[in-house]
Amino acid sequence: MGIFSRIGDLLKANINDLIDRAEDPEKMVKQIISDLQKDVQQSTQALGKAMASERIAKRQYENAVKTSADWEAKAKAALAAGDVDLAKKALSHKVSADAEVESYQKMYEQIAAQTAQIREQVETLKSKLEEAKSRQAMLVARSQMAKTQKNLAQTVGGMDSSSALDKFDRMEQKVTQQEAEAAAFSEIAGSDSADAKTFEQLQHDMDVDTELQRLMSEMGQTEGSAM
């Protein structure tokens, strides 16, 4: 039994040493506020970059829409002049522009959604920073009270056994936060298959013919009469 008693004394001594070297809550509160301030600053900078990307994507989308409209106007002018071949060339460019419109629209909507998410996270960080500042005095007071209670408990041979579990809780919270951030910013990228190029060209030509028939119908022309 003597060896087990000595092992117990050794474990108790090691645990007490860990308590003595534990983080100072008062210093940690100041550090947390400092870290939050840095996080707010970095997040605000990230938001600025995201907003810039959103503006660029919106401009690209609007330019693609304008390009499509310009080619349609040129196709109408060609048909009005009786030049069907020129109209088809213009409509070919319009179909390509329409594809860019769809692509830029999706990209713009995706970036806009991500920007909104970052903006919400920035506001959350700012709110947490303000909350931390307002609670700083109370936390320091509670920390000082906790130190007093711990010293008294150690004097009578007591020890708060939940301190180790509290550290595990903090680590679990950090891991959970990392997982949430990874999930929030994860994206699934895909690429088109090379075998689909032939079908895309066929669809492109069909879209050109469809646009031609629509314009000729609007202008009261037929393909035979326009030649």
Protein backbone atom coordinates (compact mmCIF):
# COMPACT_ATOMS: atom_id res chain seq x y z
CA MET A 1 0.00 0.00 0.00
CA GLY A 2 2.96 2.31 0.60
CA ILE A 3 3.89 2.52 -3.09
CA PHE A 4 0.34 3.44 -4.08
CA SER A 5 0.31 6.15 -1.45
CA ARG A 6 3.55 7.58 -2.81
CA ILE A 7 2.18 7.49 -6.38
CA GLY A 8 -0.91 9.34 -5.19
CA ASP A 9 1.20 11.98 -3.50
CA LEU A 10 3.25 12.37 -6.67
CA LEU A 11 0.16 12.78 -8.87
CA LYS A 12 -1.28 15.32 -6.45
CA ALA A 13 1.96 17.28 -6.49
CA ASN A 14 2.02 17.31 -10.31
CA ILE A 15 -1.58 18.48 -10.50
CA ASN A 16 -0.93 21.27 -8.00
CA ASP A 17 2.07 22.33 -10.08
CA LEU A 18 -0.14 22.50 -13.18
CA ILE A 19 -2.62 24.66 -11.31
CA ASP A 20 0.15 27.03 -10.22
CA ARG A 21 1.31 27.37 -13.84
CA ALA A 22 -2.21 27.74 -15.27
CA GLU A 23 -3.16 30.71 -17.46
CA ASP A 24 -3.89 33.94 -15.62
CA PRO A 25 -7.55 34.73 -16.45
CA GLU A 26 -7.00 38.46 -16.09
CA LYS A 27 -4.19 38.40 -18.63
CA MET A 28 -6.18 36.07 -20.85
CA VAL A 29 -9.16 38.44 -20.88
CA LYS A 30 -6.92 41.23 -22.14
CA GLN A 31 -5.38 38.86 -24.67
CA ILE A 32 -8.80 37.73 -25.86
CA ILE A 33 -9.85 41.32 -26.44
CA SER A 34 -6.60 42.01 -28.28
CA ASP A 35 -7.10 38.90 -30.42
CA LEU A 36 -10.70 39.87 -31.16
CA GLN A 37 -9.57 43.33 -32.23
CA LYS A 38 -7.08 41.75 -34.63
CA ASP A 39 -9.76 39.37 -35.92
CA VAL A 40 -12.14 42.27 -36.53
CA GLN A 41 -9.43 44.17 -38.39
CA GLN A 42 -8.48 41.19 -40.56
CA SER A 43 -12.11 40.30 -41.22
CA THR A 44 -12.88 43.89 -42.19
CA GLN A 45 -9.99 43.79 -44.67
CA ALA A 46 -11.28 40.47 -46.05
CA LEU A 47 -14.73 42.01 -46.41
CA GLY A 48 -13.26 44.90 -48.39
CA LYS A 49 -11.57 42.48 -50.79
CA ALA A 50 -14.77 40.46 -51.12
CA MET A 51 -16.78 43.58 -51.90
CA ALA A 52 -14.22 44.55 -54.56
CA SER A 53 -14.53 41.10 -56.13
CA GLU A 54 -18.29 41.43 -56.08
CA ARG A 55 -18.14 44.77 -57.89
CA ILE A 56 -15.83 43.30 -60.54
CA ALA A 57 -18.11 40.30 -61.06
CA LYS A 58 -21.15 42.57 -61.34
CA ARG A 59 -19.37 44.74 -63.92
CA GLN A 60 -18.44 41.66 -65.98
CA TYR A 61 -22.02 40.44 -65.85
CA GLU A 62 -23.42 43.81 -66.92
CA ASN A 63 -20.88 44.06 -69.76
CA ALA A 64 -21.87 40.62 -71.01
CA VAL A 65 -25.55 41.63 -70.99
CA LYS A 66 -24.71 44.78 -72.96
CA THR A 67 -22.60 42.80 -75.45
CA SER A 68 -25.48 40.40 -76.07
CA ALA A 69 -27.87 43.29 -76.67
CA ASP A 70 -25.41 44.97 -79.05
CA TRP A 71 -25.05 41.82 -81.18
CA GLU A 72 -28.82 41.43 -81.36
CA ALA A 73 -29.13 45.01 -82.54
CA LYS A 74 -26.51 44.34 -85.22
CA ALA A 75 -28.37 41.20 -86.31
CA LYS A 76 -31.59 43.20 -86.68
CA ALA A 77 -29.77 45.82 -88.73
CA ALA A 78 -28.34 43.13 -91.00
CA LEU A 79 -31.74 41.56 -91.52
CA ALA A 80 -33.25 44.95 -92.25
CA ALA A 81 -30.60 45.34 -94.96
CA GLY A 82 -31.43 41.88 -96.33
CA ASP A 83 -28.07 40.33 -95.37
CA VAL A 84 -28.99 37.03 -93.70
CA ASP A 85 -25.42 35.75 -93.58
CA LEU A 86 -24.25 38.84 -91.72
CA ALA A 87 -27.21 38.51 -89.37
CA LYS A 88 -26.25 34.92 -88.60
CA LYS A 89 -22.69 35.96 -87.83
CA ALA A 90 -23.99 38.60 -85.44
CA LEU A 91 -26.31 36.09 -83.81
CA SER A 92 -23.43 33.66 -83.43
CA HIS A 93 -21.64 36.29 -81.37
CA LYS A 94 -24.87 36.92 -79.44
CA VAL A 95 -25.23 33.26 -78.50
CA SER A 96 -21.65 33.26 -77.21
CA ALA A 97 -22.36 36.44 -75.27
CA ASP A 98 -25.50 34.86 -73.81
CA ALA A 99 -23.39 31.98 -72.50
CA GLU A 100 -21.07 34.50 -70.86
CA VAL A 101 -24.06 36.27 -69.38
CA GLU A 102 -25.17 33.06 -67.70
CA SER A 103 -21.66 32.27 -66.48
CA TYR A 104 -20.99 35.75 -65.10
CA GLN A 105 -24.41 35.85 -63.49
CA LYS A 106 -23.74 32.64 -61.57
CA MET A 107 -20.29 33.88 -60.54
CA TYR A 108 -21.67 37.23 -59.42
CA GLU A 109 -24.46 35.62 -57.38
CA GLN A 110 -21.99 33.24 -55.72
CA ILE A 111 -19.55 36.02 -54.81
CA ALA A 112 -22.39 38.20 -53.58
CA ALA A 113 -23.59 35.40 -51.30
CA GLN A 114 -20.08 34.86 -49.94
CA THR A 115 -19.66 38.60 -49.38
CA ALA A 116 -22.91 38.70 -47.44
CA GLN A 117 -21.69 35.81 -45.32
CA ILE A 118 -18.37 37.53 -44.59
CA ARG A 119 -20.22 40.76 -43.75
CA GLU A 120 -22.37 38.84 -41.27
CA GLN A 121 -19.27 37.28 -39.70
CA VAL A 122 -17.64 40.69 -39.35
CA GLU A 123 -20.72 42.01 -37.58
CA THR A 124 -20.69 38.97 -35.29
CA LEU A 125 -17.02 39.55 -34.43
CA LYS A 126 -17.68 43.21 -33.71
CA SER A 127 -20.56 42.23 -31.46
CA LYS A 128 -18.38 39.72 -29.61
CA LEU A 129 -15.66 42.34 -29.18
CA GLU A 130 -18.09 44.82 -27.68
CA GLU A 131 -19.49 42.11 -25.42
CA ALA A 132 -15.98 41.13 -24.30
CA LYS A 133 -15.14 44.75 -23.48
CA SER A 134 -18.34 45.19 -21.47
CA ARG A 135 -17.71 41.98 -19.53
CA GLN A 136 -14.00 42.56 -18.91
CA ALA A 137 -14.39 44.19 -15.49
CA MET A 138 -16.80 41.52 -14.30
CA LEU A 139 -14.57 38.71 -15.52
CA VAL A 140 -11.54 40.19 -13.79
CA ALA A 141 -13.50 40.48 -10.54
CA ARG A 142 -14.69 36.89 -10.86
CA SER A 143 -11.13 35.77 -11.62
CA GLN A 144 -9.83 37.42 -8.46
CA MET A 145 -12.61 35.81 -6.45
CA ALA A 146 -11.82 32.45 -8.02
CA LYS A 147 -8.15 32.83 -7.07
CA THR A 148 -9.14 33.50 -3.49
CA GLN A 149 -11.43 30.48 -3.42
CA LYS A 150 -8.72 28.28 -4.98
CA ASN A 151 -6.15 29.38 -2.43
CA LEU A 152 -8.56 28.64 0.39
CA ALA A 153 -9.42 25.27 -1.13
CA GLN A 154 -5.74 24.39 -1.45
CA THR A 155 -5.15 25.43 2.13
CA VAL A 156 -7.68 22.88 3.38
CA GLY A 157 -6.44 20.28 0.88
CA GLY A 158 -9.15 20.78 -1.71
CA MET A 159 -8.79 21.10 -5.44
CA ASP A 160 -11.21 21.91 -8.25
CA SER A 161 -11.15 18.76 -10.34
CA SER A 162 -13.13 20.39 -13.14
CA SER A 163 -10.21 22.60 -14.29
CA ALA A 164 -8.80 19.88 -16.54
CA LEU A 165 -12.21 19.30 -18.12
CA ASP A 166 -12.56 23.03 -18.69
CA LYS A 167 -9.38 22.95 -20.77
CA PHE A 168 -10.75 20.07 -22.82
CA ASP A 169 -13.94 22.08 -23.35
CA ARG A 170 -11.90 25.03 -24.63
CA MET A 171 -9.98 22.78 -27.01
CA GLU A 172 -13.21 21.22 -28.27
CA GLN A 173 -14.67 24.67 -28.88
CA LYS A 174 -11.58 25.62 -30.90
CA VAL A 175 -11.83 22.45 -33.02
CA THR A 176 -15.55 23.04 -33.56
CA GLN A 177 -14.82 26.60 -34.70
CA GLN A 178 -12.16 25.37 -37.12
CA GLU A 179 -14.57 22.82 -38.58
CA ALA A 180 -17.27 25.47 -38.97
CA GLU A 181 -14.87 27.82 -40.77
CA ALA A 182 -13.69 25.06 -43.08
CA ALA A 183 -17.28 24.13 -43.95
CA ALA A 184 -18.33 27.77 -44.47
CA PHE A 185 -15.58 28.49 -46.99
CA SER A 186 -15.43 25.15 -48.77
CA GLU A 187 -16.37 25.16 -52.46
CA ILE A 188 -16.92 22.40 -54.94
CA ALA A 189 -15.27 23.10 -58.28
CA GLY A 190 -16.05 21.18 -61.42
CA SER A 191 -14.93 21.22 -64.99
CA ASP A 192 -16.67 20.37 -68.23
CA SER A 193 -15.75 17.21 -70.08
CA ALA A 194 -13.86 17.56 -73.34
CA ASP A 195 -16.27 15.10 -74.99
CA ALA A 196 -19.08 17.63 -74.57
CA LYS A 197 -17.49 20.21 -76.91
CA THR A 198 -19.12 18.74 -80.04
CA PHE A 199 -22.55 18.83 -78.44
CA GLU A 200 -21.96 22.37 -77.24
CA GLN A 201 -21.17 23.43 -80.80
CA LEU A 202 -24.34 21.75 -82.08
CA GLN A 203 -26.35 23.51 -79.41
CA HIS A 204 -24.63 26.77 -80.30
CA ASP A 205 -25.62 26.43 -83.98
CA MET A 206 -29.18 25.53 -83.04
CA ASP A 207 -29.36 28.59 -80.80
CA VAL A 208 -28.13 30.75 -83.68
CA ASP A 209 -30.84 29.39 -86.02
CA THR A 210 -33.46 29.90 -83.32
CA GLU A 211 -32.41 33.50 -82.80
CA LEU A 212 -32.45 34.06 -86.57
CA GLN A 213 -35.96 32.71 -86.92
CA ARG A 214 -37.13 34.83 -83.99
CA LEU A 215 -35.73 38.04 -85.43
CA MET A 216 -37.02 37.32 -88.93
CA SER A 217 -40.43 36.57 -87.50
CA GLU A 218 -40.42 39.82 -85.53
CA MET A 219 -39.44 41.73 -88.68
CA GLY A 220 -41.95 39.94 -90.89
CA GLN A 221 -39.29 38.27 -93.03
CA THR A 222 -38.64 34.76 -94.17
CA GLU A 223 -35.27 33.29 -94.97
CA GLY A 224 -36.11 33.20 -98.68
CA SER A 225 -37.35 36.78 -98.81
CA ALA A 226 -34.28 38.11 -96.95
CA MET A 227 -31.76 36.71 -99.46
